[in-house]
N, C-alpha and C. Protein backbone atom coordinates (compact mmCIF):
# COMPACT_ATOMS: atom_id res chain seq x y z
N MET A 1 130.20 -39.81 194.09
CA MET A 1 129.21 -38.91 193.55
C MET A 1 129.69 -37.46 193.63
N GLU A 2 130.46 -37.15 194.67
CA GLU A 2 130.95 -35.79 194.81
C GLU A 2 131.89 -35.43 193.67
N ASN A 3 132.72 -36.40 193.25
CA ASN A 3 133.66 -36.14 192.16
C ASN A 3 132.93 -35.82 190.87
N ALA A 4 131.85 -36.52 190.58
CA ALA A 4 131.09 -36.28 189.35
C ALA A 4 130.45 -34.91 189.39
N ASP A 5 129.92 -34.51 190.57
CA ASP A 5 129.31 -33.19 190.67
C ASP A 5 130.33 -32.08 190.50
N SER A 6 131.51 -32.24 191.10
CA SER A 6 132.53 -31.20 190.98
C SER A 6 133.08 -31.13 189.55
N ALA A 7 133.18 -32.27 188.88
CA ALA A 7 133.65 -32.27 187.49
C ALA A 7 132.63 -31.57 186.59
N ASN A 8 131.34 -31.85 186.79
CA ASN A 8 130.30 -31.18 186.00
C ASN A 8 130.28 -29.69 186.27
N ALA A 9 130.51 -29.29 187.52
CA ALA A 9 130.52 -27.87 187.86
C ALA A 9 131.71 -27.19 187.19
N ALA A 10 132.86 -27.86 187.17
CA ALA A 10 134.05 -27.27 186.54
C ALA A 10 133.85 -27.10 185.05
N VAL A 11 133.19 -28.07 184.41
CA VAL A 11 132.93 -27.96 182.98
C VAL A 11 131.94 -26.84 182.71
N ALA A 12 130.93 -26.71 183.56
CA ALA A 12 129.92 -25.68 183.37
C ALA A 12 130.50 -24.28 183.55
N GLU A 13 131.50 -24.15 184.47
CA GLU A 13 132.06 -22.84 184.73
C GLU A 13 133.15 -22.46 183.75
N ALA A 14 133.72 -23.42 183.04
CA ALA A 14 134.81 -23.15 182.11
C ALA A 14 134.30 -22.30 180.96
N PRO A 15 135.04 -21.24 180.63
CA PRO A 15 134.59 -20.41 179.51
C PRO A 15 134.70 -21.19 178.21
N VAL A 16 133.68 -21.07 177.40
CA VAL A 16 133.64 -21.76 176.13
C VAL A 16 134.32 -20.89 175.09
N GLU A 17 135.17 -21.50 174.26
CA GLU A 17 135.82 -20.75 173.20
C GLU A 17 134.75 -20.21 172.26
N GLY A 18 134.88 -18.95 171.93
CA GLY A 18 133.88 -18.34 171.07
C GLY A 18 132.78 -17.66 171.86
N SER A 19 132.88 -17.70 173.21
CA SER A 19 131.86 -17.01 173.99
C SER A 19 132.15 -15.52 173.93
N GLY A 20 131.19 -14.75 174.30
CA GLY A 20 131.33 -13.31 174.22
C GLY A 20 130.42 -12.77 173.14
N PRO A 21 130.57 -11.51 172.82
CA PRO A 21 129.69 -10.91 171.82
C PRO A 21 129.88 -11.57 170.45
N ALA A 22 128.79 -11.72 169.75
CA ALA A 22 128.84 -12.35 168.42
C ALA A 22 129.52 -11.44 167.40
N TRP A 23 129.53 -10.15 167.63
CA TRP A 23 130.09 -9.20 166.67
C TRP A 23 131.61 -9.09 166.78
N ARG A 24 132.21 -9.79 167.72
CA ARG A 24 133.64 -9.65 167.99
C ARG A 24 134.51 -9.91 166.75
N PHE A 25 134.06 -10.77 165.85
CA PHE A 25 134.84 -11.10 164.66
C PHE A 25 135.02 -9.87 163.76
N LEU A 26 134.16 -8.87 163.89
CA LEU A 26 134.21 -7.70 163.02
C LEU A 26 135.44 -6.83 163.25
N ILE A 27 136.12 -7.01 164.39
CA ILE A 27 137.30 -6.19 164.66
C ILE A 27 138.60 -6.98 164.49
N ARG A 28 138.52 -8.13 163.85
CA ARG A 28 139.73 -8.87 163.51
C ARG A 28 140.38 -8.22 162.30
N PRO A 29 141.69 -8.38 162.12
CA PRO A 29 142.39 -7.71 161.01
C PRO A 29 141.80 -8.01 159.63
N ARG A 30 141.39 -9.24 159.40
CA ARG A 30 140.83 -9.58 158.08
C ARG A 30 139.56 -8.78 157.82
N TRP A 31 138.68 -8.71 158.82
CA TRP A 31 137.44 -7.97 158.64
C TRP A 31 137.69 -6.46 158.61
N LEU A 32 138.67 -5.98 159.34
CA LEU A 32 139.00 -4.56 159.28
C LEU A 32 139.46 -4.19 157.87
N GLY A 33 140.19 -5.09 157.24
CA GLY A 33 140.59 -4.87 155.85
C GLY A 33 139.39 -4.80 154.92
N TRP A 34 138.39 -5.69 155.15
CA TRP A 34 137.18 -5.65 154.34
C TRP A 34 136.41 -4.35 154.58
N HIS A 35 136.36 -3.89 155.83
CA HIS A 35 135.66 -2.64 156.13
C HIS A 35 136.35 -1.46 155.43
N LEU A 36 137.68 -1.46 155.47
CA LEU A 36 138.43 -0.40 154.82
C LEU A 36 138.19 -0.42 153.31
N LEU A 37 138.23 -1.60 152.73
CA LEU A 37 137.95 -1.72 151.29
C LEU A 37 136.55 -1.21 150.98
N MET A 38 135.60 -1.52 151.83
CA MET A 38 134.22 -1.08 151.61
C MET A 38 134.11 0.44 151.63
N VAL A 39 134.73 1.07 152.62
CA VAL A 39 134.66 2.53 152.75
C VAL A 39 135.35 3.19 151.56
N VAL A 40 136.53 2.70 151.20
CA VAL A 40 137.26 3.30 150.07
C VAL A 40 136.48 3.13 148.77
N SER A 41 135.95 1.94 148.54
CA SER A 41 135.21 1.72 147.29
C SER A 41 133.90 2.51 147.28
N PHE A 42 133.23 2.65 148.42
CA PHE A 42 131.99 3.43 148.46
C PHE A 42 132.25 4.88 148.06
N PHE A 43 133.23 5.50 148.71
CA PHE A 43 133.51 6.90 148.39
C PHE A 43 134.14 7.04 147.01
N GLY A 44 134.89 6.04 146.58
CA GLY A 44 135.43 6.07 145.22
C GLY A 44 134.33 6.05 144.17
N MET A 45 133.31 5.22 144.39
CA MET A 45 132.20 5.16 143.43
C MET A 45 131.39 6.45 143.45
N LEU A 46 131.22 7.04 144.62
CA LEU A 46 130.52 8.34 144.66
C LEU A 46 131.33 9.41 143.94
N TRP A 47 132.65 9.39 144.11
CA TRP A 47 133.50 10.35 143.41
C TRP A 47 133.40 10.15 141.90
N LEU A 48 133.38 8.88 141.45
CA LEU A 48 133.25 8.62 140.02
C LEU A 48 131.91 9.12 139.49
N GLY A 49 130.86 8.99 140.27
CA GLY A 49 129.56 9.52 139.87
C GLY A 49 129.60 11.03 139.74
N ASP A 50 130.28 11.70 140.68
CA ASP A 50 130.40 13.16 140.62
C ASP A 50 131.23 13.57 139.41
N TRP A 51 132.28 12.83 139.13
CA TRP A 51 133.12 13.12 137.97
C TRP A 51 132.31 12.99 136.68
N GLN A 52 131.51 11.92 136.58
CA GLN A 52 130.68 11.74 135.39
C GLN A 52 129.62 12.84 135.29
N PHE A 53 129.12 13.30 136.42
CA PHE A 53 128.15 14.39 136.42
C PHE A 53 128.76 15.65 135.83
N HIS A 54 129.98 15.98 136.23
CA HIS A 54 130.64 17.17 135.68
C HIS A 54 130.97 16.99 134.21
N ARG A 55 131.30 15.78 133.79
CA ARG A 55 131.51 15.54 132.35
C ARG A 55 130.21 15.70 131.58
N ALA A 56 129.10 15.23 132.16
CA ALA A 56 127.81 15.36 131.50
C ALA A 56 127.41 16.82 131.37
N LEU A 57 127.69 17.63 132.37
CA LEU A 57 127.37 19.05 132.31
C LEU A 57 128.19 19.77 131.24
N SER A 58 129.38 19.24 130.96
CA SER A 58 130.23 19.88 129.95
C SER A 58 129.89 19.42 128.53
N GLY A 59 128.85 18.57 128.38
CA GLY A 59 128.39 18.23 127.05
C GLY A 59 128.49 16.76 126.66
N ASN A 60 129.04 15.92 127.47
CA ASN A 60 129.16 14.49 127.15
C ASN A 60 127.84 13.81 127.53
N GLY A 61 127.02 13.50 126.54
CA GLY A 61 125.70 12.94 126.80
C GLY A 61 125.72 11.55 127.41
N LEU A 62 126.72 10.74 127.06
CA LEU A 62 126.81 9.38 127.60
C LEU A 62 127.07 9.39 129.10
N SER A 63 127.70 10.43 129.58
CA SER A 63 128.04 10.49 131.01
C SER A 63 126.81 10.61 131.90
N TRP A 64 125.67 11.00 131.35
CA TRP A 64 124.46 11.08 132.18
C TRP A 64 124.09 9.70 132.74
N ALA A 65 124.25 8.68 131.94
CA ALA A 65 123.94 7.33 132.43
C ALA A 65 124.89 6.94 133.55
N TYR A 66 126.17 7.22 133.38
CA TYR A 66 127.14 6.87 134.41
C TYR A 66 126.97 7.71 135.67
N THR A 67 126.43 8.91 135.51
CA THR A 67 126.17 9.77 136.66
C THR A 67 125.26 9.07 137.67
N PHE A 68 124.28 8.34 137.16
CA PHE A 68 123.35 7.64 138.05
C PHE A 68 123.79 6.21 138.34
N GLU A 69 124.61 5.66 137.46
CA GLU A 69 125.03 4.28 137.63
C GLU A 69 126.03 4.11 138.78
N TRP A 70 126.99 5.01 138.91
CA TRP A 70 128.00 4.87 139.96
C TRP A 70 127.41 4.93 141.37
N PRO A 71 126.49 5.85 141.65
CA PRO A 71 125.87 5.81 142.99
C PRO A 71 125.07 4.52 143.23
N LEU A 72 124.47 3.95 142.18
CA LEU A 72 123.78 2.67 142.34
C LEU A 72 124.78 1.56 142.69
N PHE A 73 125.95 1.59 142.06
CA PHE A 73 126.99 0.62 142.40
C PHE A 73 127.40 0.78 143.86
N ALA A 74 127.52 2.03 144.32
CA ALA A 74 127.90 2.28 145.72
C ALA A 74 126.83 1.73 146.66
N ALA A 75 125.57 1.94 146.32
CA ALA A 75 124.48 1.42 147.15
C ALA A 75 124.49 -0.11 147.16
N PHE A 76 124.74 -0.71 146.00
CA PHE A 76 124.83 -2.17 145.93
C PHE A 76 125.96 -2.69 146.82
N ALA A 77 127.10 -2.00 146.83
CA ALA A 77 128.22 -2.42 147.66
C ALA A 77 127.86 -2.36 149.14
N VAL A 78 127.13 -1.33 149.56
CA VAL A 78 126.71 -1.21 150.96
C VAL A 78 125.75 -2.34 151.32
N VAL A 79 124.80 -2.62 150.44
CA VAL A 79 123.83 -3.70 150.70
C VAL A 79 124.55 -5.04 150.80
N PHE A 80 125.47 -5.29 149.88
CA PHE A 80 126.23 -6.55 149.91
C PHE A 80 127.04 -6.68 151.19
N TRP A 81 127.69 -5.60 151.60
CA TRP A 81 128.50 -5.59 152.82
C TRP A 81 127.63 -5.85 154.04
N ALA A 82 126.48 -5.17 154.12
CA ALA A 82 125.59 -5.35 155.26
C ALA A 82 125.03 -6.77 155.31
N ARG A 83 124.66 -7.32 154.17
CA ARG A 83 124.11 -8.68 154.15
C ARG A 83 125.19 -9.71 154.51
N THR A 84 126.42 -9.47 154.09
CA THR A 84 127.51 -10.38 154.44
C THR A 84 127.72 -10.39 155.95
N ILE A 85 127.72 -9.23 156.56
CA ILE A 85 127.87 -9.15 158.01
C ILE A 85 126.68 -9.80 158.70
N ARG A 86 125.47 -9.54 158.22
CA ARG A 86 124.28 -10.13 158.82
C ARG A 86 124.32 -11.65 158.74
N ASP A 87 124.70 -12.19 157.59
CA ASP A 87 124.78 -13.65 157.45
C ASP A 87 125.83 -14.24 158.37
N GLU A 88 126.97 -13.57 158.48
CA GLU A 88 128.03 -14.07 159.37
C GLU A 88 127.56 -14.04 160.82
N LEU A 89 126.85 -13.01 161.21
CA LEU A 89 126.31 -12.94 162.57
C LEU A 89 125.30 -14.06 162.81
N ARG A 90 124.46 -14.32 161.82
CA ARG A 90 123.47 -15.40 161.96
C ARG A 90 124.15 -16.76 162.09
N ILE A 91 125.24 -16.98 161.38
CA ILE A 91 125.98 -18.23 161.49
C ILE A 91 126.58 -18.35 162.89
N ARG A 92 127.18 -17.28 163.38
CA ARG A 92 127.82 -17.32 164.69
C ARG A 92 126.82 -17.47 165.83
N ARG A 93 125.61 -16.97 165.65
CA ARG A 93 124.57 -17.14 166.66
C ARG A 93 123.88 -18.49 166.57
N GLY A 94 124.14 -19.21 165.49
CA GLY A 94 123.55 -20.53 165.33
C GLY A 94 122.17 -20.50 164.70
N GLU A 95 121.77 -19.37 164.13
CA GLU A 95 120.45 -19.27 163.51
C GLU A 95 120.39 -20.02 162.18
N ILE A 96 121.53 -20.08 161.48
CA ILE A 96 121.61 -20.84 160.24
C ILE A 96 122.85 -21.73 160.32
N PRO A 97 122.86 -22.86 159.63
CA PRO A 97 124.03 -23.75 159.71
C PRO A 97 125.23 -23.14 158.99
N ASP A 98 126.40 -23.49 159.48
CA ASP A 98 127.64 -23.01 158.90
C ASP A 98 127.90 -23.74 157.58
N PRO A 99 128.03 -23.00 156.47
CA PRO A 99 128.27 -23.65 155.17
C PRO A 99 129.56 -24.47 155.16
N LYS A 100 130.58 -24.04 155.89
CA LYS A 100 131.84 -24.80 155.93
C LYS A 100 131.63 -26.15 156.60
N ALA A 101 130.82 -26.18 157.66
CA ALA A 101 130.55 -27.44 158.35
C ALA A 101 129.75 -28.38 157.46
N ILE A 102 128.80 -27.83 156.71
CA ILE A 102 128.00 -28.66 155.81
C ILE A 102 128.88 -29.24 154.71
N ALA A 103 129.76 -28.42 154.15
CA ALA A 103 130.66 -28.90 153.10
C ALA A 103 131.61 -29.96 153.64
N ALA A 104 132.11 -29.76 154.85
CA ALA A 104 133.01 -30.74 155.45
C ALA A 104 132.28 -32.05 155.71
N GLU A 105 131.02 -31.95 156.12
CA GLU A 105 130.23 -33.16 156.37
C GLU A 105 130.00 -33.93 155.07
N GLU A 106 129.70 -33.22 153.99
CA GLU A 106 129.48 -33.87 152.71
C GLU A 106 130.76 -34.52 152.19
N GLU A 107 131.89 -33.86 152.42
CA GLU A 107 133.17 -34.40 151.96
C GLU A 107 133.59 -35.62 152.77
N SER A 108 133.15 -35.69 154.03
CA SER A 108 133.54 -36.81 154.87
C SER A 108 132.76 -38.08 154.54
N LEU A 109 131.65 -37.95 153.82
CA LEU A 109 130.88 -39.12 153.43
C LEU A 109 131.61 -39.87 152.33
N PRO A 110 131.54 -41.18 152.35
CA PRO A 110 132.12 -41.93 151.23
C PRO A 110 131.43 -41.56 149.92
N ALA A 111 132.14 -41.71 148.81
CA ALA A 111 131.63 -41.28 147.51
C ALA A 111 130.30 -41.92 147.18
N GLY A 112 130.14 -43.19 147.46
CA GLY A 112 128.88 -43.88 147.15
C GLY A 112 127.72 -43.36 147.96
N ILE A 113 127.98 -43.03 149.22
CA ILE A 113 126.90 -42.54 150.09
C ILE A 113 126.53 -41.12 149.70
N ALA A 114 127.53 -40.29 149.41
CA ALA A 114 127.24 -38.91 149.02
C ALA A 114 126.39 -38.90 147.75
N GLY A 115 126.72 -39.76 146.79
CA GLY A 115 125.93 -39.85 145.57
C GLY A 115 124.54 -40.39 145.85
N ALA A 116 124.44 -41.33 146.79
CA ALA A 116 123.14 -41.91 147.13
C ALA A 116 122.26 -40.88 147.81
N VAL A 117 122.86 -40.00 148.63
CA VAL A 117 122.09 -38.96 149.30
C VAL A 117 121.53 -38.00 148.25
N GLN A 118 122.35 -37.63 147.28
CA GLN A 118 121.87 -36.75 146.22
C GLN A 118 120.82 -37.45 145.37
N ALA A 119 121.04 -38.71 145.08
CA ALA A 119 120.07 -39.47 144.28
C ALA A 119 118.75 -39.62 145.03
N ALA A 120 118.82 -39.79 146.35
CA ALA A 120 117.60 -39.90 147.14
C ALA A 120 116.79 -38.61 147.05
N GLY A 121 117.48 -37.48 147.07
CA GLY A 121 116.78 -36.21 146.92
C GLY A 121 116.14 -36.10 145.56
N ALA A 122 116.82 -36.60 144.52
CA ALA A 122 116.26 -36.57 143.16
C ALA A 122 115.07 -37.51 143.06
N VAL A 123 115.15 -38.67 143.71
CA VAL A 123 114.03 -39.62 143.67
C VAL A 123 112.83 -39.03 144.38
N GLN A 124 113.05 -38.37 145.53
CA GLN A 124 111.95 -37.75 146.24
C GLN A 124 111.32 -36.65 145.41
N ALA A 125 112.15 -35.87 144.71
CA ALA A 125 111.62 -34.83 143.85
C ALA A 125 110.83 -35.44 142.70
N GLY A 126 111.32 -36.57 142.17
CA GLY A 126 110.61 -37.25 141.09
C GLY A 126 109.30 -37.83 141.57
N ALA A 127 109.29 -38.37 142.79
CA ALA A 127 108.06 -38.94 143.35
C ALA A 127 107.03 -37.84 143.58
N ALA A 128 107.49 -36.67 143.94
CA ALA A 128 106.56 -35.56 144.13
C ALA A 128 105.97 -35.13 142.80
N GLY A 129 106.69 -35.39 141.72
CA GLY A 129 106.22 -35.01 140.40
C GLY A 129 105.21 -35.99 139.83
N GLY A 130 104.94 -37.09 140.47
CA GLY A 130 103.92 -38.01 140.00
C GLY A 130 104.46 -39.31 139.46
N THR A 131 105.76 -39.59 139.61
CA THR A 131 106.32 -40.85 139.15
C THR A 131 105.92 -41.95 140.12
N ALA A 132 105.49 -43.07 139.61
CA ALA A 132 105.09 -44.18 140.47
C ALA A 132 106.32 -44.84 141.07
N PRO A 133 106.31 -45.19 142.38
CA PRO A 133 107.48 -45.77 143.00
C PRO A 133 107.85 -47.15 142.44
N GLY A 134 106.91 -47.93 141.97
CA GLY A 134 107.21 -49.26 141.46
C GLY A 134 107.67 -49.26 140.02
N GLU A 135 107.61 -48.13 139.37
CA GLU A 135 107.96 -48.02 137.95
C GLU A 135 109.47 -48.08 137.78
N GLU A 136 109.96 -48.79 136.76
CA GLU A 136 111.39 -48.89 136.52
C GLU A 136 111.92 -47.57 136.00
N GLU A 137 113.16 -47.29 136.36
CA GLU A 137 113.78 -46.05 135.92
C GLU A 137 114.28 -46.21 134.49
N ASP A 138 114.10 -45.20 133.71
CA ASP A 138 114.52 -45.19 132.32
C ASP A 138 116.05 -45.21 132.25
N GLU A 139 116.63 -46.00 131.34
CA GLU A 139 118.08 -46.09 131.20
C GLU A 139 118.68 -44.76 130.77
N GLU A 140 118.00 -44.08 129.87
CA GLU A 140 118.49 -42.79 129.40
C GLU A 140 118.50 -41.79 130.55
N LEU A 141 117.46 -41.81 131.37
CA LEU A 141 117.39 -40.92 132.52
C LEU A 141 118.50 -41.26 133.52
N SER A 142 118.77 -42.54 133.73
CA SER A 142 119.83 -42.96 134.63
C SER A 142 121.19 -42.47 134.13
N ALA A 143 121.43 -42.59 132.84
CA ALA A 143 122.69 -42.13 132.27
C ALA A 143 122.82 -40.62 132.41
N TYR A 144 121.72 -39.92 132.21
CA TYR A 144 121.75 -38.45 132.33
C TYR A 144 122.00 -38.05 133.79
N ASN A 145 121.37 -38.73 134.73
CA ASN A 145 121.58 -38.43 136.15
C ASN A 145 123.02 -38.71 136.55
N ALA A 146 123.61 -39.80 136.02
CA ALA A 146 125.01 -40.10 136.31
C ALA A 146 125.92 -39.01 135.74
N TYR A 147 125.60 -38.53 134.55
CA TYR A 147 126.35 -37.45 133.93
C TYR A 147 126.28 -36.18 134.78
N LEU A 148 125.09 -35.85 135.26
CA LEU A 148 124.93 -34.66 136.10
C LEU A 148 125.69 -34.82 137.42
N ALA A 149 125.67 -36.00 138.00
CA ALA A 149 126.39 -36.24 139.25
C ALA A 149 127.90 -36.08 139.03
N ARG A 150 128.40 -36.56 137.89
CA ARG A 150 129.82 -36.41 137.59
C ARG A 150 130.19 -34.94 137.41
N LEU A 151 129.35 -34.19 136.71
CA LEU A 151 129.61 -32.76 136.54
C LEU A 151 129.59 -32.04 137.88
N ASN A 152 128.64 -32.40 138.74
CA ASN A 152 128.55 -31.79 140.06
C ASN A 152 129.82 -32.06 140.87
N ALA A 153 130.32 -33.27 140.81
CA ALA A 153 131.54 -33.61 141.54
C ALA A 153 132.73 -32.82 141.00
N GLU A 154 132.80 -32.64 139.68
CA GLU A 154 133.90 -31.87 139.09
C GLU A 154 133.83 -30.41 139.50
N VAL A 155 132.64 -29.85 139.53
CA VAL A 155 132.49 -28.44 139.89
C VAL A 155 132.83 -28.22 141.36
N ARG A 156 132.46 -29.15 142.22
CA ARG A 156 132.78 -29.01 143.65
C ARG A 156 134.29 -28.98 143.87
N GLN A 157 135.03 -29.73 143.11
CA GLN A 157 136.48 -29.78 143.26
C GLN A 157 137.16 -28.58 142.61
N HIS A 158 136.47 -27.90 141.70
CA HIS A 158 137.07 -26.82 140.93
C HIS A 158 137.52 -25.66 141.80
N GLY A 159 136.73 -25.26 142.77
CA GLY A 159 137.04 -24.11 143.59
C GLY A 159 138.32 -24.26 144.39
N ARG A 160 138.71 -25.46 144.72
CA ARG A 160 139.91 -25.67 145.52
C ARG A 160 141.16 -25.31 144.75
N TRP A 161 141.14 -25.44 143.45
CA TRP A 161 142.33 -25.11 142.66
C TRP A 161 142.64 -23.62 142.73
N HIS A 162 141.61 -22.83 142.87
CA HIS A 162 141.78 -21.39 142.84
C HIS A 162 141.71 -20.75 144.22
N GLY A 163 141.69 -21.56 145.26
CA GLY A 163 141.63 -21.03 146.61
C GLY A 163 140.28 -20.50 147.01
N LEU A 164 139.21 -20.91 146.33
CA LEU A 164 137.89 -20.39 146.65
C LEU A 164 137.23 -21.16 147.78
N ARG A 165 137.66 -22.37 148.05
CA ARG A 165 137.05 -23.13 149.14
C ARG A 165 138.08 -23.54 150.13
């Protein structure tokens, strides 16, 4: 019994990989590059807005629209950057599931089961719409659902060719 207690204590005291502050990933080289890109693009867009403002003052009427558009682009970039960081923090804290883990789980399922899981979701959605459970499924609807499942499978594989997944 003493051995089991000491083994449990050793496991409990061992530092877990990934322990520490959740924000630690923000100072990794990849994220530092994203931060640098964000700062450069933010000030670049503000500079472009100022440039368009001076063009508009010199008589170019079209530049008035760009004068206000570039700062909006800069604001959008800041919002996107902040939301990306917030989402990553939420994943690391465990508040939302990791999309990579979900995708890996779906890929690990056999093809028939993965299709059955998707079909079960479609059947539940159809049942919520008022379809009777004992009613036979329409052949045309079955063919269309099979077509959509095939398209979905093709699209999921598409991102890998371009390094997106």
